[in-house]
Amino acid sequence: MCVKLLFDQNLSYKLVSKLQDIYPESKHVALLDLDTSSDLELYYYAQKHNFTLVLKDSDFNDISTLNGYPPHILWLRVGNSKISVAENLLRKHHNMICNTIQENKIGIIELNEL
């Protein structure tokens, strides 16, 4: 297993099932009753349970800078787009994501749809 992802509330819960084949054990915050949790609570939950946070906004940049990593953060720079855009990015960059997280040299990975 490469990594398990924790999708933020701004991303569709459908990504969990769509990406199950390459990111097993991934979850969405709503499915864990964490959708009303603060960013810091999500950060510590992800850290405790070995998740990589996946989000569309920059809210976690400061938290990660102050507290370090893990958890690693996948920042999807996709704006308001279809679920397929996020799915395709995570599929396309699967090997790079796994390698970067396993190397443990950086905490935030930015993925752009361009």
C-alpha atoms as a PDB file:
ATOM      1  CA  MET A   1       0.000   0.000   0.000  1.00  0.00           C
ATOM      2  CA  CYS A   2       1.289   3.413  -0.959  1.00  0.00           C
ATOM      3  CA  VAL A   3      -0.632   5.854   1.229  1.00  0.00           C
ATOM      4  CA  LYS A   4      -4.096   6.238   2.612  1.00  0.00           C
ATOM      5  CA  LEU A   5      -5.794   9.511   1.900  1.00  0.00           C
ATOM      6  CA  LEU A   6      -8.107  11.611   4.047  1.00  0.00           C
ATOM      7  CA  PHE A   7     -10.244  13.823   1.825  1.00  0.00           C
ATOM      8  CA  ASP A   8     -11.238  17.229   3.161  1.00  0.00           C
ATOM      9  CA  GLN A   9     -14.867  18.349   3.206  1.00  0.00           C
ATOM     10  CA  ASN A  10     -14.350  20.464   0.063  1.00  0.00           C
ATOM     11  CA  LEU A  11     -13.748  17.312  -1.973  1.00  0.00           C
ATOM     12  CA  SER A  12     -16.383  14.743  -2.854  1.00  0.00           C
ATOM     13  CA  TYR A  13     -16.786  11.654  -0.692  1.00  0.00           C
ATOM     14  CA  LYS A  14     -17.143   9.747  -3.988  1.00  0.00           C
ATOM     15  CA  LEU A  15     -13.382   9.967  -4.468  1.00  0.00           C
ATOM     16  CA  VAL A  16     -12.951   7.298  -1.784  1.00  0.00           C
ATOM     17  CA  SER A  17     -14.669   4.625  -3.870  1.00  0.00           C
ATOM     18  CA  LYS A  18     -13.367   5.920  -7.210  1.00  0.00           C
ATOM     19  CA  LEU A  19      -9.744   5.626  -6.028  1.00  0.00           C
ATOM     20  CA  GLN A  20     -10.087   2.514  -3.858  1.00  0.00           C
ATOM     21  CA  ASP A  21      -8.055   0.434  -6.306  1.00  0.00           C
ATOM     22  CA  ILE A  22      -4.884   2.516  -5.861  1.00  0.00           C
ATOM     23  CA  TYR A  23      -5.493   4.236  -2.510  1.00  0.00           C
ATOM     24  CA  PRO A  24      -7.106   1.552  -0.337  1.00  0.00           C
ATOM     25  CA  GLU A  25      -8.113   2.457   3.212  1.00  0.00           C
ATOM     26  CA  SER A  26      -8.705   6.069   2.215  1.00  0.00           C
ATOM     27  CA  LYS A  27     -11.544   7.971   3.890  1.00  0.00           C
ATOM     28  CA  HIS A  28     -13.522  11.185   3.661  1.00  0.00           C
ATOM     29  CA  VAL A  29     -13.930  13.443   6.702  1.00  0.00           C
ATOM     30  CA  ALA A  30     -17.741  13.201   6.481  1.00  0.00           C
ATOM     31  CA  LEU A  31     -17.612   9.397   6.629  1.00  0.00           C
ATOM     32  CA  LEU A  32     -15.591   9.681   9.853  1.00  0.00           C
ATOM     33  CA  ASP A  33     -17.877  12.351  11.370  1.00  0.00           C
ATOM     34  CA  LEU A  34     -15.018  14.848  11.168  1.00  0.00           C
ATOM     35  CA  ASP A  35     -16.651  17.258   8.721  1.00  0.00           C
ATOM     36  CA  THR A  36     -17.175  19.906  11.429  1.00  0.00           C
ATOM     37  CA  SER A  37     -13.711  19.492  12.940  1.00  0.00           C
ATOM     38  CA  SER A  38     -11.224  22.337  12.916  1.00  0.00           C
ATOM     39  CA  ASP A  39      -8.217  22.220  10.599  1.00  0.00           C
ATOM     40  CA  LEU A  40      -5.948  21.539  13.562  1.00  0.00           C
ATOM     41  CA  GLU A  41      -8.142  18.640  14.726  1.00  0.00           C
ATOM     42  CA  LEU A  42      -8.010  17.140  11.233  1.00  0.00           C
ATOM     43  CA  TYR A  43      -4.254  17.588  11.133  1.00  0.00           C
ATOM     44  CA  TYR A  44      -3.811  15.680  14.405  1.00  0.00           C
ATOM     45  CA  TYR A  45      -6.316  12.994  13.383  1.00  0.00           C
ATOM     46  CA  ALA A  46      -4.433  12.428  10.141  1.00  0.00           C
ATOM     47  CA  GLN A  47      -1.142  12.355  12.016  1.00  0.00           C
ATOM     48  CA  LYS A  48      -2.400   9.830  14.590  1.00  0.00           C
ATOM     49  CA  HIS A  49      -3.966   7.525  11.983  1.00  0.00           C
ATOM     50  CA  ASN A  50      -1.262   7.790   9.284  1.00  0.00           C
ATOM     51  CA  PHE A  51      -3.381   9.564   6.682  1.00  0.00           C
ATOM     52  CA  THR A  52      -2.220  11.948   3.987  1.00  0.00           C
ATOM     53  CA  LEU A  53      -4.549  14.948   3.901  1.00  0.00           C
ATOM     54  CA  VAL A  54      -6.035  15.848   0.515  1.00  0.00           C
ATOM     55  CA  LEU A  55      -7.503  19.314   0.116  1.00  0.00           C
ATOM     56  CA  LYS A  56      -8.248  22.093  -2.326  1.00  0.00           C
ATOM     57  CA  ASP A  57      -7.317  25.121  -0.236  1.00  0.00           C
ATOM     58  CA  SER A  58      -4.207  26.460   1.431  1.00  0.00           C
ATOM     59  CA  ASP A  59      -5.542  26.320   5.010  1.00  0.00           C
ATOM     60  CA  PHE A  60      -3.098  23.634   6.123  1.00  0.00           C
ATOM     61  CA  ASN A  61       0.056  25.313   4.831  1.00  0.00           C
ATOM     62  CA  ASP A  62       0.589  27.285   8.040  1.00  0.00           C
ATOM     63  CA  ILE A  63      -0.251  24.302  10.254  1.00  0.00           C
ATOM     64  CA  SER A  64       2.205  22.101   8.392  1.00  0.00           C
ATOM     65  CA  THR A  65       4.890  24.791   8.467  1.00  0.00           C
ATOM     66  CA  LEU A  66       4.513  25.222  12.230  1.00  0.00           C
ATOM     67  CA  ASN A  67       4.036  21.563  13.189  1.00  0.00           C
ATOM     68  CA  GLY A  68       5.925  19.712  10.491  1.00  0.00           C
ATOM     69  CA  TYR A  69       4.967  16.431   8.895  1.00  0.00           C
ATOM     70  CA  PRO A  70       3.619  13.849   8.863  1.00  0.00           C
ATOM     71  CA  PRO A  71       0.871  14.133   8.013  1.00  0.00           C
ATOM     72  CA  HIS A  72       1.741  14.932   4.456  1.00  0.00           C
ATOM     73  CA  ILE A  73      -0.583  17.169   2.501  1.00  0.00           C
ATOM     74  CA  LEU A  74      -1.746  16.846  -1.096  1.00  0.00           C
ATOM     75  CA  TRP A  75      -2.901  20.273  -2.190  1.00  0.00           C
ATOM     76  CA  LEU A  76      -5.074  19.950  -5.279  1.00  0.00           C
ATOM     77  CA  ARG A  77      -4.993  23.250  -7.151  1.00  0.00           C
ATOM     78  CA  VAL A  78      -8.140  22.508  -9.162  1.00  0.00           C
ATOM     79  CA  GLY A  79     -10.637  25.189  -8.151  1.00  0.00           C
ATOM     80  CA  ASN A  80     -14.306  24.339  -8.587  1.00  0.00           C
ATOM     81  CA  SER A  81     -14.009  21.428 -10.949  1.00  0.00           C
ATOM     82  CA  LYS A  82     -15.572  18.049 -11.594  1.00  0.00           C
ATOM     83  CA  ILE A  83     -14.721  15.059  -9.434  1.00  0.00           C
ATOM     84  CA  SER A  84     -12.989  13.507 -12.421  1.00  0.00           C
ATOM     85  CA  VAL A  85     -10.338  16.255 -12.398  1.00  0.00           C
ATOM     86  CA  ALA A  86      -9.238  15.386  -8.851  1.00  0.00           C
ATOM     87  CA  GLU A  87      -9.487  11.668  -9.583  1.00  0.00           C
ATOM     88  CA  ASN A  88      -7.366  11.968 -12.720  1.00  0.00           C
ATOM     89  CA  LEU A  89      -4.706  14.042 -10.931  1.00  0.00           C
ATOM     90  CA  LEU A  90      -4.408  11.531  -8.110  1.00  0.00           C
ATOM     91  CA  ARG A  91      -4.209   8.641 -10.579  1.00  0.00           C
ATOM     92  CA  LYS A  92      -1.733  10.356 -12.898  1.00  0.00           C
ATOM     93  CA  HIS A  93       0.635  11.250 -10.060  1.00  0.00           C
ATOM     94  CA  HIS A  94       0.201   8.086  -7.983  1.00  0.00           C
ATOM     95  CA  ASN A  95       3.831   6.934  -8.251  1.00  0.00           C
ATOM     96  CA  MET A  96       5.235  10.397  -7.573  1.00  0.00           C
ATOM     97  CA  ILE A  97       2.939  10.809  -4.555  1.00  0.00           C
ATOM     98  CA  CYS A  98       3.962   7.450  -3.106  1.00  0.00           C
ATOM     99  CA  ASN A  99       7.671   8.034  -3.705  1.00  0.00           C
ATOM    100  CA  THR A 100       7.631  11.568  -2.299  1.00  0.00           C
ATOM    101  CA  ILE A 101       5.800  10.529   0.855  1.00  0.00           C
ATOM    102  CA  GLN A 102       8.025   7.490   1.371  1.00  0.00           C
ATOM    103  CA  GLU A 103      11.132   9.671   0.986  1.00  0.00           C
ATOM    104  CA  ASN A 104       9.665  11.949   3.681  1.00  0.00           C
ATOM    105  CA  LYS A 105      11.621  15.017   2.516  1.00  0.00           C
ATOM    106  CA  ILE A 106       8.735  17.424   1.937  1.00  0.00           C
ATOM    107  CA  GLY A 107       5.395  17.850   3.685  1.00  0.00           C
ATOM    108  CA  ILE A 108       3.207  19.486   1.037  1.00  0.00           C
ATOM    109  CA  ILE A 109       2.750  18.238  -2.506  1.00  0.00           C
ATOM    110  CA  GLU A 110       0.961  20.603  -4.898  1.00  0.00           C
ATOM    111  CA  LEU A 111      -0.875  19.134  -7.860  1.00  0.00           C
ATOM    112  CA  ASN A 112      -2.167  21.358 -10.651  1.00  0.00           C
ATOM    113  CA  GLU A 113      -4.619  20.421 -13.372  1.00  0.00           C
ATOM    114  CA  LEU A 114      -2.436  22.027 -16.051  1.00  0.00           C
END
